[in-house]
Protein backbone atom coordinates (compact mmCIF):
# COMPACT_ATOMS: atom_id res chain seq x y z
CA UNK A 1 11.84 -12.23 -12.30
CA UNK A 2 12.34 -10.38 -8.87
CA UNK A 3 15.62 -9.28 -9.53
CA UNK A 4 14.17 -7.54 -12.92
CA UNK A 5 11.57 -6.19 -11.09
CA UNK A 6 13.84 -5.12 -8.75
CA UNK A 7 16.09 -3.01 -11.07
CA UNK A 8 12.95 -1.48 -13.15
CA UNK A 9 11.88 0.20 -9.64
CA UNK A 10 15.39 1.36 -8.69
CA UNK A 11 16.34 2.53 -11.67
CA UNK A 12 13.02 4.33 -13.34
CA UNK A 13 12.54 7.67 -11.88
CA UNK A 14 9.32 7.71 -9.15
CA UNK A 15 6.73 9.78 -11.54
CA UNK A 16 7.06 7.66 -14.10
CA UNK A 17 6.89 5.00 -12.31
CA UNK A 18 3.56 6.15 -10.71
CA UNK A 19 2.08 7.05 -13.71
CA UNK A 20 2.33 3.91 -15.35
CA UNK A 21 1.43 1.77 -12.27
CA UNK A 22 -1.90 3.84 -12.69
CA UNK A 23 -2.49 2.83 -15.31
CA UNK A 24 -1.26 -0.72 -14.93
CA UNK A 25 -3.91 -0.91 -12.12
CA UNK A 26 -6.58 0.23 -13.61
CA UNK A 27 -6.21 -2.19 -16.64
CA UNK A 28 -5.30 -4.99 -14.36
CA UNK A 29 -8.28 -4.80 -12.25
CA UNK A 30 -10.26 -4.41 -15.05
CA UNK A 31 -8.61 -7.31 -17.17
CA UNK A 32 -9.76 -9.03 -13.09
CA UNK A 33 -12.95 -7.77 -13.94
CA UNK A 34 -13.42 -10.51 -17.16
CA UNK A 35 -14.96 -9.63 -19.86
CA UNK A 36 -18.63 -10.15 -21.73
CA UNK A 37 -17.34 -13.54 -22.45
CA UNK A 38 -18.08 -16.97 -20.64
CA UNK A 39 -14.96 -19.29 -20.60
CA UNK A 40 -15.69 -20.37 -16.68
CA UNK A 41 -12.57 -21.75 -15.19
CA UNK A 42 -10.52 -19.61 -17.57
CA UNK A 43 -11.96 -16.00 -16.37
CA UNK A 44 -11.49 -17.14 -13.35
CA UNK A 45 -7.70 -18.06 -14.15
CA UNK A 46 -7.61 -14.54 -15.08
CA UNK A 47 -9.06 -12.84 -12.47
CA UNK A 48 -6.83 -14.67 -10.14
CA UNK A 49 -3.35 -13.81 -12.17
CA UNK A 50 -4.60 -9.98 -12.32
CA UNK A 51 -4.29 -9.65 -8.89
CA UNK A 52 -1.22 -11.60 -8.72
CA UNK A 53 0.12 -8.74 -11.39
CA UNK A 54 -1.64 -6.01 -9.47
CA UNK A 55 0.54 -7.45 -5.96
CA UNK A 56 3.82 -7.85 -8.20
CA UNK A 57 3.25 -3.88 -9.50
CA UNK A 58 2.84 -2.74 -5.92
CA UNK A 59 6.13 -4.85 -4.75
CA UNK A 60 7.49 -2.29 -7.72
CA UNK A 61 6.18 0.54 -6.34
CA UNK A 62 7.06 -0.38 -2.75
CA UNK A 63 10.66 -0.71 -3.49
CA UNK A 64 10.78 2.28 -5.54
CA UNK A 65 9.53 4.78 -2.73
CA UNK A 66 11.97 2.73 -0.11
CA UNK A 67 15.21 3.72 -2.76
CA UNK A 68 14.36 7.62 -2.11
CA UNK A 69 15.64 9.73 0.21
CA UNK A 70 13.32 11.93 2.16
CA UNK A 71 13.30 15.10 0.45
CA UNK A 72 12.62 13.29 -2.67
CA UNK A 73 10.30 11.28 -0.93
CA UNK A 74 8.42 14.43 0.57
CA UNK A 75 8.59 15.94 -3.11
CA UNK A 76 6.73 13.44 -4.31
CA UNK A 77 4.29 12.49 -1.53
CA UNK A 78 1.44 14.19 -2.97
CA UNK A 79 0.80 11.65 -6.12
CA UNK A 80 2.11 9.09 -3.94
CA UNK A 81 -1.11 9.54 -1.62
CA UNK A 82 -3.51 10.09 -4.03
CA UNK A 83 -2.44 6.69 -5.83
CA UNK A 84 -2.25 4.87 -2.17
CA UNK A 85 -5.36 6.46 -1.79
CA UNK A 86 -7.38 4.93 -4.72
CA UNK A 87 -5.76 1.78 -4.57
CA UNK A 88 -6.17 1.33 -0.83
CA UNK A 89 -10.35 0.61 -2.50
CA UNK A 90 -9.09 -2.42 -3.72
CA UNK A 91 -11.21 -5.11 -1.77
CA UNK A 92 -14.19 -2.35 -2.14
CA UNK A 93 -13.53 -1.99 -5.97
CA UNK A 94 -13.16 -5.78 -6.57
CA UNK A 95 -16.47 -6.08 -4.59
CA UNK A 96 -18.94 -4.03 -6.60
CA UNK A 97 -17.30 -4.83 -9.80
CA UNK A 98 -15.86 -8.38 -9.79
CA UNK A 99 -17.10 -11.14 -8.98
CA UNK A 100 -15.38 -14.88 -8.20
CA UNK A 101 -11.63 -13.47 -6.89
CA UNK A 102 -9.83 -15.90 -4.46
CA UNK A 103 -10.00 -14.20 -1.21
CA UNK A 104 -5.90 -14.85 -0.99
CA UNK A 105 -5.24 -12.75 -4.03
CA UNK A 106 -7.21 -9.97 -2.48
CA UNK A 107 -5.16 -10.61 1.01
CA UNK A 108 -2.46 -10.75 -1.09
CA UNK A 109 -2.62 -7.25 -3.16
CA UNK A 110 -4.00 -5.48 0.24
CA UNK A 111 -0.86 -6.66 1.95
CA UNK A 112 1.37 -5.50 -0.71
CA UNK A 113 -0.42 -1.83 -1.11
CA UNK A 114 -0.58 -1.49 2.82
CA UNK A 115 3.58 -2.44 2.34
CA UNK A 116 4.15 0.19 -0.21
CA UNK A 117 2.35 2.45 1.31
CA UNK A 118 4.38 1.73 4.83
CA UNK A 119 7.51 2.15 2.70
CA UNK A 120 6.31 6.01 1.73
CA UNK A 121 5.24 6.62 5.41
CA UNK A 122 8.55 5.82 7.12
CA UNK A 123 10.56 8.08 4.80
CA UNK A 124 8.29 10.93 6.23
CA UNK A 125 8.39 13.09 9.53
CA UNK A 126 5.67 12.72 11.81
CA UNK A 127 4.98 16.35 10.76
CA UNK A 128 4.88 15.70 7.15
CA UNK A 129 2.75 11.98 7.82
CA UNK A 130 0.23 13.61 9.40
CA UNK A 131 -1.53 15.50 6.52
CA UNK A 132 -1.00 12.60 4.71
CA UNK A 133 -2.87 10.37 7.74
CA UNK A 134 -5.95 12.44 7.79
CA UNK A 135 -6.44 12.56 4.24
């Protein structure tokens, strides 16, 4: 599975990965919120599984960013920063909208989000990264 995700991340253009990642993230967080069903244990499992799926999604984004050269990373840094700004509020979003997600799953997702952001930050010079940092 890891090989498939790696191939996907390296072969799909960054702008396509980003647009799909935004929609997938929203869908996965919504699934993690459960629904109106009262399935108890099954709903709790769905919440945790959706968090691990978000983690895998962030791995794909990180690998895609790490394959970019400096010029391409700089060219697409704006949309990526908007995406990362949104997903960095993951814990807050879950606390407001979702109950019962395992803390370990949230920590894992946050770690993957930070790794993906760092992959982008390491591609940029300090002067290019400063405006992103201040956002």
